[in-house]
Amino acid sequence: MKFLHGVNPRCDAATHETKVSQHFLVMPRYFFHIKHMRGEIDHQDEELPDKHAVWNEATVTARQMLQGIDGKLTPARDWQMEVTDEFQTTLYVLRIQAEVPK
């Protein structure tokens, strides 16, 4: 049966009337885990439509979080965001590594 825009038409055999049931699309869920001084597991998922939207959300969120570090990023205290899907498969890793040049 072909679905048009999330609508599933069904014919009721007893009355021969067409019934419509609405199907809701479930967007994939993503998590943004942070590691800085200690690991912070993201327990609240974000529903986003695709990987392009996930990348955009990751970079915007990383920028906002890095602005709030306020001098706490020092050598040996790297900052990392690991973006995973709902199955905990790693999609992206954003890493800021602080080091002293030799």
PDB file of N, CA and C in Angstrom:
ATOM      1  N   MET A   1       0.849  -1.169   0.000  1.00  0.00           N
ATOM      2  CA  MET A   1       0.000   0.000   0.000  1.00  0.00           C
ATOM      3  C   MET A   1       0.891   1.228   0.000  1.00  0.00           C
ATOM      4  N   LYS A   2       0.583   2.171  -0.827  1.00  0.00           N
ATOM      5  CA  LYS A   2       1.373   3.389  -0.941  1.00  0.00           C
ATOM      6  C   LYS A   2       0.877   4.431   0.053  1.00  0.00           C
ATOM      7  N   PHE A   3       1.822   5.091   0.747  1.00  0.00           N
ATOM      8  CA  PHE A   3       1.483   6.113   1.719  1.00  0.00           C
ATOM      9  C   PHE A   3       1.773   7.480   1.113  1.00  0.00           C
ATOM     10  N   LEU A   4       0.853   8.388   1.262  1.00  0.00           N
ATOM     11  CA  LEU A   4       1.029   9.748   0.781  1.00  0.00           C
ATOM     12  C   LEU A   4       1.132  10.696   1.960  1.00  0.00           C
ATOM     13  N   HIS A   5       2.284  11.318   2.113  1.00  0.00           N
ATOM     14  CA  HIS A   5       2.496  12.327   3.155  1.00  0.00           C
ATOM     15  C   HIS A   5       2.064  11.846   4.529  1.00  0.00           C
ATOM     16  N   GLY A   6       2.387  10.604   4.855  1.00  0.00           N
ATOM     17  CA  GLY A   6       2.107  10.091   6.195  1.00  0.00           C
ATOM     18  C   GLY A   6       0.665   9.681   6.416  1.00  0.00           C
ATOM     19  N   VAL A   7      -0.146   9.649   5.362  1.00  0.00           N
ATOM     20  CA  VAL A   7      -1.547   9.267   5.528  1.00  0.00           C
ATOM     21  C   VAL A   7      -1.743   7.891   4.935  1.00  0.00           C
ATOM     22  N   ASN A   8      -2.396   7.026   5.679  1.00  0.00           N
ATOM     23  CA  ASN A   8      -2.660   5.666   5.248  1.00  0.00           C
ATOM     24  C   ASN A   8      -4.161   5.495   5.030  1.00  0.00           C
ATOM     25  N   PRO A   9      -4.631   5.537   3.786  1.00  0.00           N
ATOM     26  CA  PRO A   9      -6.065   5.340   3.562  1.00  0.00           C
ATOM     27  C   PRO A   9      -6.408   3.863   3.688  1.00  0.00           C
ATOM     28  N   ARG A  10      -7.484   3.559   4.393  1.00  0.00           N
ATOM     29  CA  ARG A  10      -7.944   2.172   4.542  1.00  0.00           C
ATOM     30  C   ARG A  10      -9.420   2.113   4.202  1.00  0.00           C
ATOM     31  N   CYS A  11      -9.800   1.049   3.561  1.00  0.00           N
ATOM     32  CA  CYS A  11     -11.198   0.861   3.222  1.00  0.00           C
ATOM     33  C   CYS A  11     -11.817  -0.084   4.236  1.00  0.00           C
ATOM     34  N   ASP A  12     -12.881   0.349   4.891  1.00  0.00           N
ATOM     35  CA  ASP A  12     -13.588  -0.483   5.855  1.00  0.00           C
ATOM     36  C   ASP A  12     -14.535  -1.390   5.070  1.00  0.00           C
ATOM     37  N   ALA A  13     -14.332  -2.691   5.119  1.00  0.00           N
ATOM     38  CA  ALA A  13     -15.100  -3.635   4.313  1.00  0.00           C
ATOM     39  C   ALA A  13     -16.586  -3.597   4.630  1.00  0.00           C
ATOM     40  N   ALA A  14     -16.951  -3.355   5.870  1.00  0.00           N
ATOM     41  CA  ALA A  14     -18.370  -3.373   6.253  1.00  0.00           C
ATOM     42  C   ALA A  14     -19.122  -2.176   5.692  1.00  0.00           C
ATOM     43  N   THR A  15     -18.507  -1.020   5.689  1.00  0.00           N
ATOM     44  CA  THR A  15     -19.220   0.184   5.252  1.00  0.00           C
ATOM     45  C   THR A  15     -18.710   0.728   3.928  1.00  0.00           C
ATOM     46  N   HIS A  16     -17.622   0.185   3.406  1.00  0.00           N
ATOM     47  CA  HIS A  16     -16.979   0.647   2.180  1.00  0.00           C
ATOM     48  C   HIS A  16     -16.590   2.115   2.258  1.00  0.00           C
ATOM     49  N   GLU A  17     -16.357   2.607   3.463  1.00  0.00           N
ATOM     50  CA  GLU A  17     -15.910   3.979   3.653  1.00  0.00           C
ATOM     51  C   GLU A  17     -14.393   3.991   3.789  1.00  0.00           C
ATOM     52  N   THR A  18     -13.797   5.023   3.296  1.00  0.00           N
ATOM     53  CA  THR A  18     -12.355   5.168   3.434  1.00  0.00           C
ATOM     54  C   THR A  18     -12.056   5.853   4.753  1.00  0.00           C
ATOM     55  N   LYS A  19     -11.208   5.219   5.540  1.00  0.00           N
ATOM     56  CA  LYS A  19     -10.781   5.794   6.809  1.00  0.00           C
ATOM     57  C   LYS A  19      -9.333   6.228   6.657  1.00  0.00           C
ATOM     58  N   VAL A  20      -8.981   7.286   7.332  1.00  0.00           N
ATOM     59  CA  VAL A  20      -7.615   7.794   7.263  1.00  0.00           C
ATOM     60  C   VAL A  20      -7.009   7.736   8.656  1.00  0.00           C
ATOM     61  N   SER A  21      -5.845   7.109   8.746  1.00  0.00           N
ATOM     62  CA  SER A  21      -5.116   7.112  10.012  1.00  0.00           C
ATOM     63  C   SER A  21      -3.813   7.855   9.796  1.00  0.00           C
ATOM     64  N   GLN A  22      -3.496   8.763  10.677  1.00  0.00           N
ATOM     65  CA  GLN A  22      -2.291   9.580  10.561  1.00  0.00           C
ATOM     66  C   GLN A  22      -1.102   8.819  11.152  1.00  0.00           C
ATOM     67  N   HIS A  23      -0.018   8.734  10.400  1.00  0.00           N
ATOM     68  CA  HIS A  23       1.221   8.112  10.882  1.00  0.00           C
ATOM     69  C   HIS A  23       2.220   9.210  11.165  1.00  0.00           C
ATOM     70  N   PHE A  24       2.793   9.186  12.319  1.00  0.00           N
ATOM     71  CA  PHE A  24       3.759  10.197  12.706  1.00  0.00           C
ATOM     72  C   PHE A  24       5.154   9.666  12.434  1.00  0.00           C
ATOM     73  N   LEU A  25       5.967  10.480  11.812  1.00  0.00           N
ATOM     74  CA  LEU A  25       7.348  10.108  11.566  1.00  0.00           C
ATOM     75  C   LEU A  25       8.157  10.353  12.829  1.00  0.00           C
ATOM     76  N   VAL A  26       8.962   9.392  13.199  1.00  0.00           N
ATOM     77  CA  VAL A  26       9.813   9.522  14.376  1.00  0.00           C
ATOM     78  C   VAL A  26      11.204   9.881  13.877  1.00  0.00           C
ATOM     79  N   MET A  27      11.708  11.015  14.350  1.00  0.00           N
ATOM     80  CA  MET A  27      13.047  11.429  13.946  1.00  0.00           C
ATOM     81  C   MET A  27      14.087  10.666  14.757  1.00  0.00           C
ATOM     82  N   PRO A  28      15.249  10.457  14.147  1.00  0.00           N
ATOM     83  CA  PRO A  28      16.337   9.790  14.874  1.00  0.00           C
ATOM     84  C   PRO A  28      16.762  10.613  16.084  1.00  0.00           C
ATOM     85  N   ARG A  29      17.278   9.917  17.086  1.00  0.00           N
ATOM     86  CA  ARG A  29      17.729  10.558  18.326  1.00  0.00           C
ATOM     87  C   ARG A  29      19.251  10.559  18.369  1.00  0.00           C
ATOM     88  N   TYR A  30      19.795  11.651  18.889  1.00  0.00           N
ATOM     89  CA  TYR A  30      21.250  11.810  18.972  1.00  0.00           C
ATOM     90  C   TYR A  30      21.633  12.314  20.352  1.00  0.00           C
ATOM     91  N   PHE A  31      22.864  11.983  20.752  1.00  0.00           N
ATOM     92  CA  PHE A  31      23.381  12.364  22.063  1.00  0.00           C
ATOM     93  C   PHE A  31      24.716  13.088  21.879  1.00  0.00           C
ATOM     94  N   PHE A  32      24.983  14.051  22.756  1.00  0.00           N
ATOM     95  CA  PHE A  32      26.192  14.866  22.692  1.00  0.00           C
ATOM     96  C   PHE A  32      26.930  14.710  24.026  1.00  0.00           C
ATOM     97  N   HIS A  33      27.865  13.774  24.080  1.00  0.00           N
ATOM     98  CA  HIS A  33      28.619  13.474  25.296  1.00  0.00           C
ATOM     99  C   HIS A  33      29.847  14.397  25.369  1.00  0.00           C
ATOM    100  N   ILE A  34      30.098  14.947  26.545  1.00  0.00           N
ATOM    101  CA  ILE A  34      31.208  15.879  26.750  1.00  0.00           C
ATOM    102  C   ILE A  34      32.241  15.270  27.687  1.00  0.00           C
ATOM    103  N   LYS A  35      33.517  15.444  27.329  1.00  0.00           N
ATOM    104  CA  LYS A  35      34.619  15.059  28.218  1.00  0.00           C
ATOM    105  C   LYS A  35      35.499  16.285  28.419  1.00  0.00           C
ATOM    106  N   HIS A  36      35.538  16.761  29.653  1.00  0.00           N
ATOM    107  CA  HIS A  36      36.427  17.861  30.039  1.00  0.00           C
ATOM    108  C   HIS A  36      36.548  17.816  31.549  1.00  0.00           C
ATOM    109  N   MET A  37      37.726  17.505  32.020  1.00  0.00           N
ATOM    110  CA  MET A  37      38.002  17.311  33.448  1.00  0.00           C
ATOM    111  C   MET A  37      37.297  16.050  33.956  1.00  0.00           C
ATOM    112  N   ARG A  38      36.106  15.763  33.468  1.00  0.00           N
ATOM    113  CA  ARG A  38      35.413  14.500  33.775  1.00  0.00           C
ATOM    114  C   ARG A  38      34.433  14.261  32.636  1.00  0.00           C
ATOM    115  N   GLY A  39      34.013  13.026  32.477  1.00  0.00           N
ATOM    116  CA  GLY A  39      33.063  12.703  31.421  1.00  0.00           C
ATOM    117  C   GLY A  39      31.642  13.050  31.812  1.00  0.00           C
ATOM    118  N   GLU A  40      30.918  13.643  30.910  1.00  0.00           N
ATOM    119  CA  GLU A  40      29.517  13.964  31.135  1.00  0.00           C
ATOM    120  C   GLU A  40      28.694  13.282  30.059  1.00  0.00           C
ATOM    121  N   ILE A  41      27.966  12.259  30.470  1.00  0.00           N
ATOM    122  CA  ILE A  41      27.125  11.508  29.545  1.00  0.00           C
ATOM    123  C   ILE A  41      25.829  12.281  29.336  1.00  0.00           C
ATOM    124  N   ASP A  42      25.469  12.458  28.075  1.00  0.00           N
ATOM    125  CA  ASP A  42      24.229  13.139  27.721  1.00  0.00           C
ATOM    126  C   ASP A  42      23.087  12.135  27.827  1.00  0.00           C
ATOM    127  N   HIS A  43      22.186  12.352  28.767  1.00  0.00           N
ATOM    128  CA  HIS A  43      21.046  11.452  28.958  1.00  0.00           C
ATOM    129  C   HIS A  43      19.787  11.980  28.290  1.00  0.00           C
ATOM    130  N   GLN A  44      19.828  13.220  27.834  1.00  0.00           N
ATOM    131  CA  GLN A  44      18.665  13.801  27.178  1.00  0.00           C
ATOM    132  C   GLN A  44      18.963  13.895  25.685  1.00  0.00           C
ATOM    133  N   ASP A  45      18.266  13.099  24.916  1.00  0.00           N
ATOM    134  CA  ASP A  45      18.528  13.048  23.485  1.00  0.00           C
ATOM    135  C   ASP A  45      17.976  14.264  22.752  1.00  0.00           C
ATOM    136  N   GLU A  46      18.488  14.455  21.550  1.00  0.00           N
ATOM    137  CA  GLU A  46      18.001  15.485  20.643  1.00  0.00           C
ATOM    138  C   GLU A  46      17.445  14.761  19.426  1.00  0.00           C
ATOM    139  N   GLU A  47      16.247  15.114  19.031  1.00  0.00           N
ATOM    140  CA  GLU A  47      15.675  14.557  17.810  1.00  0.00           C
ATOM    141  C   GLU A  47      16.001  15.502  16.671  1.00  0.00           C
ATOM    142  N   LEU A  48      16.708  14.983  15.683  1.00  0.00           N
ATOM    143  CA  LEU A  48      17.113  15.789  14.536  1.00  0.00           C
ATOM    144  C   LEU A  48      16.862  14.980  13.263  1.00  0.00           C
ATOM    145  N   PRO A  49      16.570  15.656  12.152  1.00  0.00           N
ATOM    146  CA  PRO A  49      16.154  14.948  10.949  1.00  0.00           C
ATOM    147  C   PRO A  49      17.243  14.190  10.209  1.00  0.00           C
ATOM    148  N   ASP A  50      18.508  14.674  10.260  1.00  0.00           N
ATOM    149  CA  ASP A  50      19.555  14.017   9.477  1.00  0.00           C
ATOM    150  C   ASP A  50      20.932  14.394  10.020  1.00  0.00           C
ATOM    151  N   LYS A  51      21.972  13.795   9.427  1.00  0.00           N
ATOM    152  CA  LYS A  51      23.336  14.029   9.917  1.00  0.00           C
ATOM    153  C   LYS A  51      23.807  15.459   9.685  1.00  0.00           C
ATOM    154  N   HIS A  52      23.289  16.121   8.658  1.00  0.00           N
ATOM    155  CA  HIS A  52      23.633  17.523   8.435  1.00  0.00           C
ATOM    156  C   HIS A  52      23.150  18.371   9.613  1.00  0.00           C
ATOM    157  N   ALA A  53      21.933  18.126  10.054  1.00  0.00           N
ATOM    158  CA  ALA A  53      21.386  18.852  11.207  1.00  0.00           C
ATOM    159  C   ALA A  53      22.149  18.498  12.479  1.00  0.00           C
ATOM    160  N   VAL A  54      22.586  17.251  12.595  1.00  0.00           N
ATOM    161  CA  VAL A  54      23.358  16.818  13.770  1.00  0.00           C
ATOM    162  C   VAL A  54      24.694  17.554  13.811  1.00  0.00           C
ATOM    163  N   TRP A  55      25.376  17.641  12.669  1.00  0.00           N
ATOM    164  CA  TRP A  55      26.661  18.343  12.610  1.00  0.00           C
ATOM    165  C   TRP A  55      26.477  19.817  12.975  1.00  0.00           C
ATOM    166  N   ASN A  56      25.443  20.434  12.437  1.00  0.00           N
ATOM    167  CA  ASN A  56      25.171  21.837  12.742  1.00  0.00           C
ATOM    168  C   ASN A  56      24.926  22.030  14.239  1.00  0.00           C
ATOM    169  N   GLU A  57      24.109  21.178  14.829  1.00  0.00           N
ATOM    170  CA  GLU A  57      23.819  21.268  16.266  1.00  0.00           C
ATOM    171  C   GLU A  57      25.088  21.055  17.089  1.00  0.00           C
ATOM    172  N   ALA A  58      25.923  20.110  16.667  1.00  0.00           N
ATOM    173  CA  ALA A  58      27.171  19.833  17.396  1.00  0.00           C
ATOM    174  C   ALA A  58      28.090  21.041  17.386  1.00  0.00           C
ATOM    175  N   THR A  59      28.261  21.689  16.228  1.00  0.00           N
ATOM    176  CA  THR A  59      29.175  22.824  16.156  1.00  0.00           C
ATOM    177  C   THR A  59      28.638  24.045  16.891  1.00  0.00           C
ATOM    178  N   VAL A  60      27.342  24.276  16.813  1.00  0.00           N
ATOM    179  CA  VAL A  60      26.743  25.405  17.539  1.00  0.00           C
ATOM    180  C   VAL A  60      26.853  25.168  19.050  1.00  0.00           C
ATOM    181  N   THR A  61      26.531  23.954  19.483  1.00  0.00           N
ATOM    182  CA  THR A  61      26.598  23.625  20.911  1.00  0.00           C
ATOM    183  C   THR A  61      28.035  23.687  21.413  1.00  0.00           C
ATOM    184  N   ALA A  62      28.983  23.174  20.625  1.00  0.00           N
ATOM    185  CA  ALA A  62      30.395  23.218  21.024  1.00  0.00           C
ATOM    186  C   ALA A  62      30.857  24.661  21.198  1.00  0.00           C
ATOM    187  N   ARG A  63      30.485  25.525  20.270  1.00  0.00           N
ATOM    188  CA  ARG A  63      30.873  26.939  20.378  1.00  0.00           C
ATOM    189  C   ARG A  63      30.327  27.548  21.663  1.00  0.00           C
ATOM    190  N   GLN A  64      29.076  27.287  21.956  1.00  0.00           N
ATOM    191  CA  GLN A  64      28.467  27.839  23.168  1.00  0.00           C
ATOM    192  C   GLN A  64      29.141  27.303  24.427  1.00  0.00           C
ATOM    193  N   MET A  65      29.443  26.015  24.436  1.00  0.00           N
ATOM    194  CA  MET A  65      30.065  25.409  25.613  1.00  0.00           C
ATOM    195  C   MET A  65      31.496  25.912  25.806  1.00  0.00           C
ATOM    196  N   LEU A  66      32.237  26.046  24.708  1.00  0.00           N
ATOM    197  CA  LEU A  66      33.617  26.511  24.809  1.00  0.00           C
ATOM    198  C   LEU A  66      33.683  27.954  25.291  1.00  0.00           C
ATOM    199  N   GLN A  67      32.695  28.750  24.962  1.00  0.00           N
ATOM    200  CA  GLN A  67      32.656  30.120  25.472  1.00  0.00           C
ATOM    201  C   GLN A  67      32.511  30.131  26.988  1.00  0.00           C
ATOM    202  N   GLY A  68      31.862  29.117  27.536  1.00  0.00           N
ATOM    203  CA  GLY A  68      31.640  29.050  28.971  1.00  0.00           C
ATOM    204  C   GLY A  68      32.772  28.428  29.761  1.00  0.00           C
ATOM    205  N   ILE A  69      33.806  27.954  29.104  1.00  0.00           N
ATOM    206  CA  ILE A  69      34.924  27.326  29.822  1.00  0.00           C
ATOM    207  C   ILE A  69      35.696  28.349  30.644  1.00  0.00           C
ATOM    208  N   ASP A  70      35.799  29.572  30.158  1.00  0.00           N
ATOM    209  CA  ASP A  70      36.410  30.683  30.909  1.00  0.00           C
ATOM    210  C   ASP A  70      37.744  30.339  31.564  1.00  0.00           C
ATOM    211  N   GLY A  71      38.749  30.028  30.774  1.00  0.00           N
ATOM    212  CA  GLY A  71      40.085  29.800  31.304  1.00  0.00           C
ATOM    213  C   GLY A  71      40.332  28.424  31.887  1.00  0.00           C
ATOM    214  N   LYS A  72      39.348  27.557  31.855  1.00  0.00           N
ATOM    215  CA  LYS A  72      39.521  26.215  32.432  1.00  0.00           C
ATOM    216  C   LYS A  72      40.186  25.241  31.464  1.00  0.00           C
ATOM    217  N   LEU A  73      40.344  25.646  30.202  1.00  0.00           N
ATOM    218  CA  LEU A  73      41.044  24.804  29.238  1.00  0.00           C
ATOM    219  C   LEU A  73      42.533  25.063  29.377  1.00  0.00           C
ATOM    220  N   THR A  74      43.233  24.093  29.883  1.00  0.00           N
ATOM    221  CA  THR A  74      44.668  24.206  30.109  1.00  0.00           C
ATOM    222  C   THR A  74      45.339  22.956  29.562  1.00  0.00           C
ATOM    223  N   PRO A  75      46.668  23.001  29.376  1.00  0.00           N
ATOM    224  CA  PRO A  75      47.348  21.776  28.934  1.00  0.00           C
ATOM    225  C   PRO A  75      46.987  20.599  29.846  1.00  0.00           C
ATOM    226  N   ALA A  76      46.780  19.477  29.229  1.00  0.00           N
ATOM    227  CA  ALA A  76      46.394  18.237  29.909  1.00  0.00           C
ATOM    228  C   ALA A  76      44.918  18.218  30.311  1.00  0.00           C
ATOM    229  N   ARG A  77      44.163  19.236  29.913  1.00  0.00           N
ATOM    230  CA  ARG A  77      42.722  19.243  30.160  1.00  0.00           C
ATOM    231  C   ARG A  77      42.000  19.520  28.843  1.00  0.00           C
ATOM    232  N   ASP A  78      42.056  18.546  27.975  1.00  0.00           N
ATOM    233  CA  ASP A  78      41.422  18.679  26.674  1.00  0.00           C
ATOM    234  C   ASP A  78      39.902  18.707  26.809  1.00  0.00           C
ATOM    235  N   TRP A  79      39.253  19.186  25.755  1.00  0.00           N
ATOM    236  CA  TRP A  79      37.792  19.234  25.695  1.00  0.00           C
ATOM    237  C   TRP A  79      37.359  18.392  24.503  1.00  0.00           C
ATOM    238  N   GLN A  80      36.316  17.589  24.703  1.00  0.00           N
ATOM    239  CA  GLN A  80      35.858  16.715  23.617  1.00  0.00           C
ATOM    240  C   GLN A  80      34.345  16.556  23.653  1.00  0.00           C
ATOM    241  N   MET A  81      33.740  16.567  22.470  1.00  0.00           N
ATOM    242  CA  MET A  81      32.327  16.239  22.326  1.00  0.00           C
ATOM    243  C   MET A  81      32.235  15.035  21.402  1.00  0.00           C
ATOM    244  N   GLU A  82      31.576  13.990  21.883  1.00  0.00           N
ATOM    245  CA  GLU A  82      31.340  12.804  21.069  1.00  0.00           C
ATOM    246  C   GLU A  82      29.845  12.750  20.756  1.00  0.00           C
ATOM    247  N   VAL A  83      29.528  12.748  19.473  1.00  0.00           N
ATOM    248  CA  VAL A  83      28.138  12.710  19.030  1.00  0.00           C
ATOM    249  C   VAL A  83      27.818  11.280  18.629  1.00  0.00           C
ATOM    250  N   THR A  84      26.762  10.733  19.258  1.00  0.00           N
ATOM    251  CA  THR A  84      26.361   9.358  18.960  1.00  0.00           C
ATOM    252  C   THR A  84      24.894   9.323  18.544  1.00  0.00           C
ATOM    253  N   ASP A  85      24.547   8.241  17.859  1.00  0.00           N
ATOM    254  CA  ASP A  85      23.140   8.050  17.532  1.00  0.00           C
ATOM    255  C   ASP A  85      22.472   7.294  18.665  1.00  0.00           C
ATOM    256  N   GLU A  86      21.207   6.940  18.478  1.00  0.00           N
ATOM    257  CA  GLU A  86      20.447   6.276  19.541  1.00  0.00           C
ATOM    258  C   GLU A  86      20.973   4.885  19.877  1.00  0.00           C
ATOM    259  N   PHE A  87      21.837   4.316  19.004  1.00  0.00           N
ATOM    260  CA  PHE A  87      22.441   3.009  19.262  1.00  0.00           C
ATOM    261  C   PHE A  87      23.844   3.157  19.833  1.00  0.00           C
ATOM    262  N   GLN A  88      24.220   4.400  20.192  1.00  0.00           N
ATOM    263  CA  GLN A  88      25.524   4.760  20.742  1.00  0.00           C
ATOM    264  C   GLN A  88      26.661   4.533  19.747  1.00  0.00           C
ATOM    265  N   THR A  89      26.343   4.599  18.464  1.00  0.00           N
ATOM    266  CA  THR A  89      27.357   4.561  17.415  1.00  0.00           C
ATOM    267  C   THR A  89      27.920   5.972  17.272  1.00  0.00           C
ATOM    268  N   THR A  90      29.245   6.106  17.357  1.00  0.00           N
ATOM    269  CA  THR A  90      29.870   7.418  17.253  1.00  0.00           C
ATOM    270  C   THR A  90      29.786   7.920  15.817  1.00  0.00           C
ATOM    271  N   LEU A  91      29.242   9.130  15.667  1.00  0.00           N
ATOM    272  CA  LEU A  91      29.126   9.762  14.360  1.00  0.00           C
ATOM    273  C   LEU A  91      30.201  10.820  14.149  1.00  0.00           C
ATOM    274  N   TYR A  92      30.448  11.624  15.178  1.00  0.00           N
ATOM    275  CA  TYR A  92      31.429  12.701  15.103  1.00  0.00           C
ATOM    276  C   TYR A  92      32.130  12.836  16.444  1.00  0.00           C
ATOM    277  N   VAL A  93      33.380  13.292  16.387  1.00  0.00           N
ATOM    278  CA  VAL A  93      34.118  13.657  17.597  1.00  0.00           C
ATOM    279  C   VAL A  93      34.741  15.017  17.338  1.00  0.00           C
ATOM    280  N   LEU A  94      34.402  15.980  18.175  1.00  0.00           N
ATOM    281  CA  LEU A  94      34.999  17.310  18.120  1.00  0.00           C
ATOM    282  C   LEU A  94      35.946  17.401  19.298  1.00  0.00           C
ATOM    283  N   ARG A  95      37.202  17.786  19.026  1.00  0.00           N
ATOM    284  CA  ARG A  95      38.199  17.766  20.094  1.00  0.00           C
ATOM    285  C   ARG A  95      39.012  19.056  20.065  1.00  0.00           C
ATOM    286  N   ILE A  96      39.170  19.656  21.219  1.00  0.00           N
ATOM    287  CA  ILE A  96      40.073  20.803  21.401  1.00  0.00           C
ATOM    288  C   ILE A  96      41.182  20.285  22.305  1.00  0.00           C
ATOM    289  N   GLN A  97      42.391  20.266  21.775  1.00  0.00           N
ATOM    290  CA  GLN A  97      43.519  19.738  22.528  1.00  0.00           C
ATOM    291  C   GLN A  97      44.449  20.882  22.908  1.00  0.00           C
ATOM    292  N   ALA A  98      44.653  21.053  24.173  1.00  0.00           N
ATOM    293  CA  ALA A  98      45.538  22.088  24.677  1.00  0.00           C
ATOM    294  C   ALA A  98      46.884  21.471  25.024  1.00  0.00           C
ATOM    295  N   GLU A  99      47.947  22.032  24.446  1.00  0.00           N
ATOM    296  CA  GLU A  99      49.276  21.495  24.726  1.00  0.00           C
ATOM    297  C   GLU A  99      50.307  22.600  24.712  1.00  0.00           C
ATOM    298  N   VAL A 100      51.411  22.362  25.357  1.00  0.00           N
ATOM    299  CA  VAL A 100      52.532  23.295  25.378  1.00  0.00           C
ATOM    300  C   VAL A 100      53.508  22.848  24.277  1.00  0.00           C
ATOM    301  N   PRO A 101      53.842  23.745  23.339  1.00  0.00           N
ATOM    302  CA  PRO A 101      54.796  23.337  22.281  1.00  0.00           C
ATOM    303  C   PRO A 101      56.172  23.068  22.849  1.00  0.00           C
ATOM    304  N   LYS A 102      56.883  22.145  22.241  1.00  0.00           N
ATOM    305  CA  LYS A 102      58.223  21.772  22.718  1.00  0.00           C
ATOM    306  C   LYS A 102      59.288  22.522  21.955  1.00  0.00           C
TER     307      LYS A 102
END
